[in-house]
PDB file of N, CA and C in Angstrom:
ATOM      1  N   MET A   1     -37.543 -19.290  -4.332  1.00  0.00           N
ATOM      2  CA  MET A   1     -37.322 -19.167  -6.128  1.00  0.00           C
ATOM      3  C   MET A   1     -36.117 -17.798  -6.411  1.00  0.00           C
ATOM      4  N   LYS A   2     -37.298 -17.047  -5.945  1.00  0.00           N
ATOM      5  CA  LYS A   2     -36.293 -15.146  -6.242  1.00  0.00           C
ATOM      6  C   LYS A   2     -35.082 -15.757  -5.035  1.00  0.00           C
ATOM      7  N   ARG A   3     -35.350 -16.174  -3.623  1.00  0.00           N
ATOM      8  CA  ARG A   3     -33.909 -16.040  -2.902  1.00  0.00           C
ATOM      9  C   ARG A   3     -32.757 -17.368  -3.297  1.00  0.00           C
ATOM     10  N   ARG A   4     -33.185 -18.089  -3.573  1.00  0.00           N
ATOM     11  CA  ARG A   4     -32.202 -19.444  -4.342  1.00  0.00           C
ATOM     12  C   ARG A   4     -31.481 -18.235  -5.222  1.00  0.00           C
ATOM     13  N   LEU A   5     -31.908 -17.399  -6.062  1.00  0.00           N
ATOM     14  CA  LEU A   5     -31.374 -17.418  -7.256  1.00  0.00           C
ATOM     15  C   LEU A   5     -30.249 -15.845  -6.827  1.00  0.00           C
ATOM     16  N   PHE A   6     -30.733 -15.251  -5.798  1.00  0.00           N
ATOM     17  CA  PHE A   6     -29.902 -14.218  -5.385  1.00  0.00           C
ATOM     18  C   PHE A   6     -29.138 -14.148  -4.897  1.00  0.00           C
ATOM     19  N   ILE A   7     -28.808 -15.762  -3.869  1.00  0.00           N
ATOM     20  CA  ILE A   7     -27.759 -15.897  -3.177  1.00  0.00           C
ATOM     21  C   ILE A   7     -26.545 -16.432  -4.243  1.00  0.00           C
ATOM     22  N   ILE A   8     -27.100 -17.631  -5.008  1.00  0.00           N
ATOM     23  CA  ILE A   8     -26.707 -17.531  -6.479  1.00  0.00           C
ATOM     24  C   ILE A   8     -25.894 -16.952  -6.999  1.00  0.00           C
ATOM     25  N   ALA A   9     -26.695 -15.033  -7.440  1.00  0.00           N
ATOM     26  CA  ALA A   9     -25.284 -14.439  -7.729  1.00  0.00           C
ATOM     27  C   ALA A   9     -24.713 -13.033  -6.769  1.00  0.00           C
ATOM     28  N   ILE A  10     -25.274 -13.499  -5.456  1.00  0.00           N
ATOM     29  CA  ILE A  10     -24.414 -12.967  -4.772  1.00  0.00           C
ATOM     30  C   ILE A  10     -22.729 -13.836  -4.535  1.00  0.00           C
ATOM     31  N   ILE A  11     -23.211 -15.647  -4.502  1.00  0.00           N
ATOM     32  CA  ILE A  11     -21.954 -16.374  -4.201  1.00  0.00           C
ATOM     33  C   ILE A  11     -21.084 -16.345  -5.429  1.00  0.00           C
ATOM     34  N   LEU A  12     -21.392 -16.019  -7.467  1.00  0.00           N
ATOM     35  CA  LEU A  12     -21.032 -15.543  -8.322  1.00  0.00           C
ATOM     36  C   LEU A  12     -19.869 -14.808  -8.536  1.00  0.00           C
ATOM     37  N   CYS A  13     -20.450 -13.187  -7.565  1.00  0.00           N
ATOM     38  CA  CYS A  13     -20.450 -11.881  -8.279  1.00  0.00           C
ATOM     39  C   CYS A  13     -18.698 -11.972  -6.814  1.00  0.00           C
ATOM     40  N   THR A  14     -19.075 -12.033  -5.537  1.00  0.00           N
ATOM     41  CA  THR A  14     -18.085 -12.307  -4.848  1.00  0.00           C
ATOM     42  C   THR A  14     -16.963 -13.596  -5.435  1.00  0.00           C
ATOM     43  N   THR A  15     -17.316 -14.518  -6.389  1.00  0.00           N
ATOM     44  CA  THR A  15     -16.795 -15.670  -6.338  1.00  0.00           C
ATOM     45  C   THR A  15     -15.704 -15.000  -8.105  1.00  0.00           C
ATOM     46  N   LEU A  16     -16.315 -14.594  -9.024  1.00  0.00           N
ATOM     47  CA  LEU A  16     -15.723 -13.643  -9.464  1.00  0.00           C
ATOM     48  C   LEU A  16     -14.917 -12.316  -9.540  1.00  0.00           C
ATOM     49  N   ALA A  17     -15.537 -11.716  -8.791  1.00  0.00           N
ATOM     50  CA  ALA A  17     -14.784 -10.362  -8.221  1.00  0.00           C
ATOM     51  C   ALA A  17     -13.306 -10.044  -8.506  1.00  0.00           C
ATOM     52  N   PRO A  18     -12.519 -10.448  -8.359  1.00  0.00           N
ATOM     53  CA  PRO A  18     -10.947 -10.758  -8.299  1.00  0.00           C
ATOM     54  C   PRO A  18     -10.697 -11.291  -9.925  1.00  0.00           C
ATOM     55  N   LEU A  19     -11.163 -12.017 -10.409  1.00  0.00           N
ATOM     56  CA  LEU A  19     -10.841 -12.035 -11.602  1.00  0.00           C
ATOM     57  C   LEU A  19     -11.248 -11.105 -13.048  1.00  0.00           C
ATOM     58  N   ILE A  20     -12.290 -10.609 -12.550  1.00  0.00           N
ATOM     59  CA  ILE A  20     -12.720  -9.135 -13.340  1.00  0.00           C
ATOM     60  C   ILE A  20     -12.390  -7.756 -13.192  1.00  0.00           C
ATOM     61  N   ILE A  21     -11.635  -8.034 -11.937  1.00  0.00           N
ATOM     62  CA  ILE A  21     -10.468  -6.750 -11.687  1.00  0.00           C
ATOM     63  C   ILE A  21      -9.651  -6.809 -11.860  1.00  0.00           C
ATOM     64  N   SER A  22      -9.154  -8.075 -11.739  1.00  0.00           N
ATOM     65  CA  SER A  22      -7.534  -8.554 -12.076  1.00  0.00           C
ATOM     66  C   SER A  22      -6.571  -8.420 -10.694  1.00  0.00           C
ATOM     67  N   ALA A  23      -7.103  -8.468  -9.541  1.00  0.00           N
ATOM     68  CA  ALA A  23      -6.535  -8.196  -8.511  1.00  0.00           C
ATOM     69  C   ALA A  23      -5.041  -8.875  -8.093  1.00  0.00           C
ATOM     70  N   HIS A  24      -4.877  -8.082  -7.208  1.00  0.00           N
ATOM     71  CA  HIS A  24      -2.781  -8.153  -7.280  1.00  0.00           C
ATOM     72  C   HIS A  24      -3.069  -8.436  -5.331  1.00  0.00           C
ATOM     73  N   VAL A  25      -1.817  -9.369  -5.041  1.00  0.00           N
ATOM     74  CA  VAL A  25      -1.559  -8.673  -3.625  1.00  0.00           C
ATOM     75  C   VAL A  25      -0.013  -8.281  -3.502  1.00  0.00           C
ATOM     76  N   LYS A  26       0.228  -7.184  -2.474  1.00  0.00           N
ATOM     77  CA  LYS A  26       1.593  -6.677  -2.776  1.00  0.00           C
ATOM     78  C   LYS A  26       2.404  -7.121  -1.881  1.00  0.00           C
ATOM     79  N   TRP A  27       2.027  -8.548  -1.436  1.00  0.00           N
ATOM     80  CA  TRP A  27       3.343  -9.125  -0.818  1.00  0.00           C
ATOM     81  C   TRP A  27       4.302  -9.826  -1.044  1.00  0.00           C
ATOM     82  N   PHE A  28       4.407  -9.874  -2.384  1.00  0.00           N
ATOM     83  CA  PHE A  28       4.858 -10.439  -3.491  1.00  0.00           C
ATOM     84  C   PHE A  28       6.248  -9.382  -3.796  1.00  0.00           C
ATOM     85  N   THR A  29       5.578  -8.740  -3.500  1.00  0.00           N
ATOM     86  CA  THR A  29       6.808  -8.002  -4.091  1.00  0.00           C
ATOM     87  C   THR A  29       9.017  -7.580  -3.173  1.00  0.00           C
ATOM     88  N   GLU A  30       9.590  -7.602  -3.936  1.00  0.00           N
ATOM     89  CA  GLU A  30      10.907  -7.053  -3.817  1.00  0.00           C
ATOM     90  C   GLU A  30      10.971  -6.244  -2.728  1.00  0.00           C
ATOM     91  N   GLU A  31       9.386  -5.272  -2.824  1.00  0.00           N
ATOM     92  CA  GLU A  31      10.197  -3.652  -2.032  1.00  0.00           C
ATOM     93  C   GLU A  31      10.239  -4.023   0.068  1.00  0.00           C
ATOM     94  N   PRO A  32      11.239  -3.620   0.060  1.00  0.00           N
ATOM     95  CA  PRO A  32      11.297  -3.374   1.722  1.00  0.00           C
ATOM     96  C   PRO A  32      10.455  -2.613   2.266  1.00  0.00           C
ATOM     97  N   ALA A  33       9.352  -2.913   3.040  1.00  0.00           N
ATOM     98  CA  ALA A  33       8.740  -2.187   4.486  1.00  0.00           C
ATOM     99  C   ALA A  33       8.803  -1.049   4.679  1.00  0.00           C
ATOM    100  N   VAL A  34       8.446  -0.129   4.316  1.00  0.00           N
ATOM    101  CA  VAL A  34       8.304   1.682   5.297  1.00  0.00           C
ATOM    102  C   VAL A  34       7.470   0.997   5.992  1.00  0.00           C
ATOM    103  N   LYS A  35       7.870   1.437   7.062  1.00  0.00           N
ATOM    104  CA  LYS A  35       7.420   1.924   8.516  1.00  0.00           C
ATOM    105  C   LYS A  35       7.208   3.151   8.570  1.00  0.00           C
ATOM    106  N   GLU A  36       5.817   3.438   8.972  1.00  0.00           N
ATOM    107  CA  GLU A  36       5.242   5.023   8.897  1.00  0.00           C
ATOM    108  C   GLU A  36       5.176   5.600   9.981  1.00  0.00           C
ATOM    109  N   ASP A  37       5.097   6.712  10.671  1.00  0.00           N
ATOM    110  CA  ASP A  37       5.051   7.491  11.914  1.00  0.00           C
ATOM    111  C   ASP A  37       3.508   6.882  11.823  1.00  0.00           C
ATOM    112  N   ILE A  38       2.902   6.597  13.458  1.00  0.00           N
ATOM    113  CA  ILE A  38       1.595   7.012  13.535  1.00  0.00           C
ATOM    114  C   ILE A  38       0.875   8.168  13.124  1.00  0.00           C
ATOM    115  N   THR A  39       1.482   8.952  13.686  1.00  0.00           N
ATOM    116  CA  THR A  39       0.573  10.673  13.297  1.00  0.00           C
ATOM    117  C   THR A  39       0.783  10.281  11.556  1.00  0.00           C
ATOM    118  N   THR A  40       1.857   9.886  10.829  1.00  0.00           N
ATOM    119  CA  THR A  40       0.806  10.075   9.442  1.00  0.00           C
ATOM    120  C   THR A  40      -0.477   9.193   9.264  1.00  0.00           C
ATOM    121  N   ILE A  41      -0.481   8.012   9.628  1.00  0.00           N
ATOM    122  CA  ILE A  41      -1.648   7.236   9.285  1.00  0.00           C
ATOM    123  C   ILE A  41      -2.832   7.667  10.481  1.00  0.00           C
ATOM    124  N   LEU A  42      -2.707   8.470  11.461  1.00  0.00           N
ATOM    125  CA  LEU A  42      -3.806   8.475  12.268  1.00  0.00           C
ATOM    126  C   LEU A  42      -3.957  10.296  11.693  1.00  0.00           C
ATOM    127  N   SER A  43      -4.214  10.502  10.355  1.00  0.00           N
ATOM    128  CA  SER A  43      -4.619  11.504  10.365  1.00  0.00           C
ATOM    129  C   SER A  43      -6.260  12.425  10.311  1.00  0.00           C
ATOM    130  N   PRO A  44      -6.806  13.634  10.069  1.00  0.00           N
ATOM    131  CA  PRO A  44      -7.797  14.144  10.508  1.00  0.00           C
ATOM    132  C   PRO A  44      -8.650  12.817   9.386  1.00  0.00           C
ATOM    133  N   PHE A  45      -8.148  13.253   8.009  1.00  0.00           N
ATOM    134  CA  PHE A  45      -9.175  12.499   6.764  1.00  0.00           C
ATOM    135  C   PHE A  45      -9.333  10.777   7.546  1.00  0.00           C
ATOM    136  N   PHE A  46      -8.415  10.030   8.222  1.00  0.00           N
ATOM    137  CA  PHE A  46      -8.336   9.050   8.257  1.00  0.00           C
ATOM    138  C   PHE A  46      -9.926   8.686   9.353  1.00  0.00           C
ATOM    139  N   ILE A  47      -9.670   9.690  10.171  1.00  0.00           N
ATOM    140  CA  ILE A  47      -9.988   9.261  11.867  1.00  0.00           C
ATOM    141  C   ILE A  47     -12.045  10.085  11.818  1.00  0.00           C
ATOM    142  N   SER A  48     -12.120  10.937  10.419  1.00  0.00           N
ATOM    143  CA  SER A  48     -13.768  11.508  10.020  1.00  0.00           C
ATOM    144  C   SER A  48     -14.125  10.329   9.172  1.00  0.00           C
ATOM    145  N   PHE A  49     -13.291   9.525   8.258  1.00  0.00           N
ATOM    146  CA  PHE A  49     -13.415   8.745   7.651  1.00  0.00           C
ATOM    147  C   PHE A  49     -14.369   7.516   8.270  1.00  0.00           C
ATOM    148  N   ALA A  50     -13.637   7.227   9.324  1.00  0.00           N
ATOM    149  CA  ALA A  50     -13.489   5.966   9.689  1.00  0.00           C
ATOM    150  C   ALA A  50     -14.220   5.889  10.539  1.00  0.00           C
ATOM    151  N   LEU A  51     -14.849   7.293  11.430  1.00  0.00           N
ATOM    152  CA  LEU A  51     -16.076   7.827  11.915  1.00  0.00           C
ATOM    153  C   LEU A  51     -17.406   7.464  11.430  1.00  0.00           C
ATOM    154  N   LEU A  52     -17.248   8.661   9.755  1.00  0.00           N
ATOM    155  CA  LEU A  52     -18.106   7.972   8.853  1.00  0.00           C
ATOM    156  C   LEU A  52     -18.766   6.735   8.279  1.00  0.00           C
ATOM    157  N   VAL A  53     -17.941   5.774   8.295  1.00  0.00           N
ATOM    158  CA  VAL A  53     -18.320   3.845   8.373  1.00  0.00           C
ATOM    159  C   VAL A  53     -18.675   3.268   9.231  1.00  0.00           C
ATOM    160  N   ALA A  54     -18.364   4.083  10.731  1.00  0.00           N
ATOM    161  CA  ALA A  54     -19.151   3.422  11.734  1.00  0.00           C
ATOM    162  C   ALA A  54     -20.170   3.497  11.795  1.00  0.00           C
ATOM    163  N   ILE A  55     -20.323   5.067  11.389  1.00  0.00           N
ATOM    164  CA  ILE A  55     -21.683   4.886  11.294  1.00  0.00           C
ATOM    165  C   ILE A  55     -22.371   4.776  10.384  1.00  0.00           C
ATOM    166  N   VAL A  56     -22.525   4.579   9.243  1.00  0.00           N
ATOM    167  CA  VAL A  56     -22.927   4.337   7.886  1.00  0.00           C
ATOM    168  C   VAL A  56     -23.184   2.652   8.293  1.00  0.00           C
ATOM    169  N   LEU A  57     -22.631   1.215   8.719  1.00  0.00           N
ATOM    170  CA  LEU A  57     -22.201   0.119   8.762  1.00  0.00           C
ATOM    171  C   LEU A  57     -23.081   0.028  10.849  1.00  0.00           C
ATOM    172  N   ALA A  58     -23.315   1.293  11.280  1.00  0.00           N
ATOM    173  CA  ALA A  58     -24.560   1.376  12.119  1.00  0.00           C
ATOM    174  C   ALA A  58     -26.299   1.687  11.852  1.00  0.00           C
ATOM    175  N   ALA A  59     -26.341   2.119  10.938  1.00  0.00           N
ATOM    176  CA  ALA A  59     -27.200   2.153  10.409  1.00  0.00           C
ATOM    177  C   ALA A  59     -27.880   1.831   9.744  1.00  0.00           C
ATOM    178  N   ILE A  60     -26.954   1.079   8.882  1.00  0.00           N
ATOM    179  CA  ILE A  60     -27.450  -0.258   7.978  1.00  0.00           C
ATOM    180  C   ILE A  60     -28.590  -1.454   8.802  1.00  0.00           C
ATOM    181  N   PRO A  61     -27.956  -1.541   9.887  1.00  0.00           N
ATOM    182  CA  PRO A  61     -29.478  -2.703   9.931  1.00  0.00           C
ATOM    183  C   PRO A  61     -30.946  -1.770  10.835  1.00  0.00           C
ATOM    184  N   GLN A  62     -30.615  -0.749  10.989  1.00  0.00           N
ATOM    185  CA  GLN A  62     -31.684  -0.145  11.327  1.00  0.00           C
ATOM    186  C   GLN A  62     -32.616   0.460   9.681  1.00  0.00           C
ATOM    187  N   ILE A  63     -31.562   0.598   8.498  1.00  0.00           N
ATOM    188  CA  ILE A  63     -32.440   0.996   7.665  1.00  0.00           C
ATOM    189  C   ILE A  63     -33.587  -0.467   6.621  1.00  0.00           C
ATOM    190  N   LEU A  64     -32.183  -1.137   6.298  1.00  0.00           N
ATOM    191  CA  LEU A  64     -32.614  -2.236   5.642  1.00  0.00           C
ATOM    192  C   LEU A  64     -33.709  -2.945   6.025  1.00  0.00           C
ATOM    193  N   PRO A  65     -34.158  -3.028   7.290  1.00  0.00           N
ATOM    194  CA  PRO A  65     -35.702  -3.494   7.433  1.00  0.00           C
ATOM    195  C   PRO A  65     -36.988  -2.701   6.694  1.00  0.00           C
ATOM    196  N   ARG A  66     -36.697  -1.905   6.840  1.00  0.00           N
ATOM    197  CA  ARG A  66     -37.026  -0.453   6.105  1.00  0.00           C
ATOM    198  C   ARG A  66     -37.503  -0.649   4.461  1.00  0.00           C
ATOM    199  N   ILE A  67     -36.684  -1.216   3.695  1.00  0.00           N
ATOM    200  CA  ILE A  67     -36.886  -0.968   2.416  1.00  0.00           C
ATOM    201  C   ILE A  67     -37.504  -2.266   2.065  1.00  0.00           C
ATOM    202  N   PRO A  68     -38.969  -1.754   1.200  1.00  0.00           N
ATOM    203  CA  PRO A  68     -39.904  -2.797   0.938  1.00  0.00           C
ATOM    204  C   PRO A  68     -38.915  -3.688  -0.652  1.00  0.00           C
ATOM    205  N   VAL A  69     -38.479  -3.059  -1.610  1.00  0.00           N
ATOM    206  CA  VAL A  69     -37.424  -3.871  -2.212  1.00  0.00           C
ATOM    207  C   VAL A  69     -37.369  -5.329  -1.420  1.00  0.00           C
ATOM    208  N   LEU A  70     -36.229  -5.463  -0.430  1.00  0.00           N
ATOM    209  CA  LEU A  70     -35.710  -6.361  -0.182  1.00  0.00           C
ATOM    210  C   LEU A  70     -36.716  -6.526   0.431  1.00  0.00           C
ATOM    211  N   GLN A  71     -37.125  -6.597   1.769  1.00  0.00           N
ATOM    212  CA  GLN A  71     -38.426  -7.153   2.288  1.00  0.00           C
ATOM    213  C   GLN A  71     -38.774  -9.127   0.817  1.00  0.00           C
ATOM    214  N   MET A  72     -39.142  -8.187  -0.138  1.00  0.00           N
ATOM    215  CA  MET A  72     -39.292  -9.237  -1.117  1.00  0.00           C
ATOM    216  C   MET A  72     -38.516 -10.238  -1.606  1.00  0.00           C
ATOM    217  N   VAL A  73     -36.906  -9.462  -1.799  1.00  0.00           N
ATOM    218  CA  VAL A  73     -36.192 -11.175  -1.765  1.00  0.00           C
ATOM    219  C   VAL A  73     -35.762 -11.824  -0.954  1.00  0.00           C
ATOM    220  N   LEU A  74     -35.820 -11.023   0.621  1.00  0.00           N
ATOM    221  CA  LEU A  74     -34.957 -12.046   1.411  1.00  0.00           C
ATOM    222  C   LEU A  74     -36.409 -12.060   2.071  1.00  0.00           C
TER     223      LEU A  74
END
């Protein structure tokens, strides 16, 4: 029963999130695309942030089974 409520809550949150946030897509604007240099995109901040995200994503499957609250839900 808890699992079903958890899944329904996740589905509702992901479905209603764009409506609440008022998200929009910039693809439909009339502004011309600006081509950026690759050195501007691959800044030290971007590389360090990408490495941090990769480490966190790699750690999540290792950490989640050890959290007792999640074992009751799932």
